[in-house]
Protein backbone atom coordinates (compact mmCIF):
# COMPACT_ATOMS: atom_id res chain seq x y z
CA ASN A 1 -13.87 -11.24 -10.70
CA GLU A 2 -14.98 -14.67 -9.54
CA VAL A 3 -16.95 -13.17 -6.63
CA VAL A 4 -18.01 -9.82 -8.11
CA PRO A 5 -17.17 -8.74 -11.66
CA ALA A 6 -14.91 -5.67 -11.75
CA SER A 7 -17.49 -3.93 -13.92
CA GLU A 8 -19.91 -3.96 -10.97
CA LEU A 9 -17.48 -2.59 -8.37
CA SER A 10 -17.15 0.97 -7.13
CA TYR A 11 -14.96 0.46 -4.07
CA ILE A 12 -12.54 -2.08 -2.64
CA PHE A 13 -11.62 -1.68 1.00
CA GLY A 14 -10.27 -3.93 3.67
CA ASN A 15 -7.92 -4.77 6.47
CA PRO A 16 -5.46 -7.33 5.05
CA PRO A 17 -3.60 -9.62 7.46
CA PHE A 18 -0.49 -8.03 8.99
CA ILE A 19 2.10 -10.65 8.07
CA GLY A 20 5.69 -9.56 7.53
CA ALA A 21 7.96 -10.92 4.81
CA ARG A 22 10.11 -12.81 7.32
CA VAL A 23 7.24 -14.52 9.17
CA MET A 24 4.97 -15.71 6.34
CA SER A 25 4.22 -19.40 6.00
CA LYS A 26 5.42 -21.27 2.89
CA GLU A 27 1.88 -21.12 1.52
CA GLN A 28 1.66 -17.36 2.01
CA LYS A 29 5.05 -16.84 0.36
CA ALA A 30 3.85 -18.94 -2.58
CA GLU A 31 0.69 -16.82 -2.85
CA VAL A 32 2.72 -13.59 -2.96
CA LYS A 33 5.01 -15.09 -5.63
CA GLU A 34 1.98 -16.16 -7.65
CA VAL A 35 0.55 -12.63 -7.53
CA PHE A 36 3.81 -10.87 -8.45
CA GLY A 37 5.50 -13.47 -10.62
CA ASN A 38 9.23 -13.89 -10.65
CA ILE A 39 10.37 -10.40 -9.75
CA LYS A 40 13.65 -10.40 -7.89
CA GLN A 41 12.45 -8.56 -4.77
CA VAL A 42 9.29 -10.59 -4.11
CA GLU A 43 10.86 -12.23 -1.04
CA ASN A 44 10.93 -8.78 0.62
CA PHE A 45 7.20 -8.09 0.25
CA ASP A 46 4.87 -8.24 3.23
CA TYR A 47 1.66 -10.17 2.61
CA VAL A 48 -0.38 -6.95 2.31
CA CYS A 49 1.48 -6.05 -0.90
CA ALA A 50 -0.34 -8.86 -2.70
CA TRP A 51 -3.66 -7.25 -1.74
CA TYR A 52 -2.57 -3.97 -3.37
CA LYS A 53 -1.51 -5.80 -6.52
CA LYS A 54 -4.71 -7.85 -6.77
CA ALA A 55 -6.84 -4.74 -6.21
CA SER A 56 -4.87 -2.87 -8.89
CA GLU A 57 -5.62 -5.65 -11.38
CA LEU A 58 -9.36 -5.27 -10.78
CA MET A 59 -9.01 -1.50 -10.98
CA GLU A 60 -7.32 -1.77 -14.38
CA ALA A 61 -10.45 -3.59 -15.60
CA ASN A 62 -12.66 -0.80 -14.23
CA ARG A 63 -10.80 2.49 -13.86
CA LEU A 64 -13.61 3.98 -11.74
CA ILE A 65 -12.89 1.71 -8.75
CA LYS A 66 -11.37 3.34 -5.69
CA THR A 67 -9.47 1.25 -3.12
CA SER A 68 -8.46 1.77 0.48
CA PHE A 69 -6.61 -0.58 2.82
CA VAL A 70 -5.47 -0.47 6.42
CA SER A 71 -1.91 -1.76 6.12
CA THR A 72 1.27 -2.16 8.04
CA ASN A 73 3.35 0.96 7.57
CA SER A 74 6.06 -1.10 5.85
CA ILE A 75 4.40 -0.34 2.50
CA SER A 76 5.52 3.27 2.91
CA GLN A 77 9.06 2.58 4.12
CA GLY A 78 12.33 1.22 2.80
CA GLU A 79 12.61 -0.96 -0.27
CA GLN A 80 8.92 -1.90 -0.43
CA VAL A 81 8.04 1.61 -1.62
CA SER A 82 9.87 1.37 -4.93
CA ILE A 83 8.98 -2.24 -5.67
CA LEU A 84 5.28 -1.81 -4.82
CA TRP A 85 4.41 1.79 -5.66
CA LYS A 86 6.65 2.55 -8.64
CA PRO A 87 4.94 0.03 -11.00
CA LEU A 88 1.49 1.13 -9.80
CA MET A 89 2.23 4.81 -10.33
CA GLU A 90 3.77 4.11 -13.73
CA LYS A 91 0.41 2.57 -14.71
CA GLY A 92 -1.38 5.77 -13.70
CA PHE A 93 -2.47 5.05 -10.12
CA HIS A 94 -2.52 7.92 -7.62
CA ILE A 95 -2.61 7.90 -3.85
CA ASN A 96 -5.69 9.95 -2.98
CA PHE A 97 -5.37 10.03 0.77
CA ALA A 98 -3.08 8.74 3.47
CA TYR A 99 -3.43 8.36 7.20
CA ARG A 100 0.21 8.30 8.22
CA THR A 101 1.66 5.89 10.78
CA PHE A 102 -0.41 5.22 13.88
CA ILE A 103 -0.42 2.43 16.45
CA TRP A 104 -3.29 -0.03 16.16
CA SER A 105 -3.86 -2.17 19.19
CA ASN A 106 -6.77 -4.19 20.46
CA GLU A 107 -8.01 -5.69 23.70
CA ALA A 108 -7.06 -9.28 22.87
CA LYS A 109 -4.91 -11.33 25.22
CA ASN A 110 -1.19 -10.92 24.38
CA ASN A 111 -2.08 -7.81 22.42
CA ALA A 112 0.62 -6.73 20.02
CA ALA A 113 0.50 -3.17 18.77
CA VAL A 114 1.00 -2.81 15.03
CA TYR A 115 2.16 0.32 13.24
CA CYS A 116 -0.41 1.00 10.53
CA VAL A 117 -1.29 3.36 7.73
CA ILE A 118 -4.50 3.79 5.75
CA VAL A 119 -4.01 4.40 2.04
CA GLY A 120 -6.63 5.20 -0.58
CA PHE A 121 -5.65 4.94 -4.23
CA SER A 122 -7.25 5.07 -7.65
CA PHE A 123 -6.78 6.30 -11.21
CA ASP A 124 -8.42 9.58 -10.12
CA ASN A 125 -5.93 12.35 -9.34
CA LYS A 126 -8.32 14.41 -7.21
CA CYS A 127 -9.20 14.85 -3.55
CA LYS A 128 -5.81 14.52 -1.90
CA PHE A 129 -5.08 14.88 1.80
CA ILE A 130 -2.68 13.52 4.36
CA HIS A 131 -3.74 12.83 7.93
CA ASP A 132 -1.20 13.02 10.72
CA ARG A 133 -1.42 13.07 14.47
CA ILE A 134 0.70 15.75 16.08
CA ASP A 135 0.66 16.35 19.85
CA ASP A 136 -2.51 14.24 20.17
CA GLU A 137 -4.29 16.40 17.62
CA ASP A 138 -5.61 15.19 14.25
CA ILE A 139 -4.20 17.26 11.41
CA PHE A 140 -5.59 17.02 7.85
CA MET A 141 -3.26 18.57 5.29
CA PRO A 142 -4.16 19.12 1.64
CA ALA A 143 -1.66 17.60 -0.77
CA SER A 144 -0.93 18.23 -4.43
CA ASN A 145 0.67 14.79 -4.84
CA ILE A 146 1.09 11.96 -2.34
CA ASN A 147 4.09 9.77 -3.06
CA GLY A 148 4.78 6.19 -1.95
CA TYR A 149 6.38 7.44 1.27
CA LEU A 150 3.03 9.09 2.06
CA LYS A 151 4.53 12.56 1.78
CA ASN A 152 3.28 15.54 -0.19
CA GLY A 153 5.88 15.66 -2.95
CA LYS A 154 7.13 14.27 -6.23
CA ASP A 155 6.95 10.57 -6.99
CA ILE A 156 10.51 9.60 -6.12
CA PHE A 157 11.80 6.12 -5.37
CA VAL A 158 14.93 5.20 -3.47
CA GLU A 159 16.18 1.97 -4.98
CA SER A 160 19.05 -0.32 -4.10
CA ARG A 161 22.22 0.01 -6.16
CA ASN A 162 25.12 -2.29 -6.90
CA LYS A 163 27.48 0.59 -7.68
CA PRO A 164 28.14 3.79 -5.75
CA LEU A 165 26.75 7.06 -7.11
CA CYS A 166 30.26 8.46 -7.52
């Protein structure tokens, strides 16, 4: 809102830094904690999660905004799914499209390939598709609902437990 008021935005898109939870600087860890507050699992968030949270705050001020980020695929795997996506989906956000895991590399010296996804989300529950690459062919699949694991299915969340199921 300090740069552009939410009321004047239509889209937010970007390529947040790919910084894992275990390699962030102290300053970056403090920024993520500031964005999420004192939730127990904040130490397990990658830096990109803060971008999703900040975007969602602007989107709550203007429910017409649509957002898309290129992210590390960690946001669609393991414990980050339930602690990032569950609160967003409970507020009414929907994943509109997903480009499932692909390798992003560049021509820089000491190039490190990163496993990425592209996720578009909004309050709009329309226009859903999942992109996948199968046998070097791009496949676009319609989806009725895209969950936090970037699958066409119900919004389910696998969460850690202190007690066994049975």
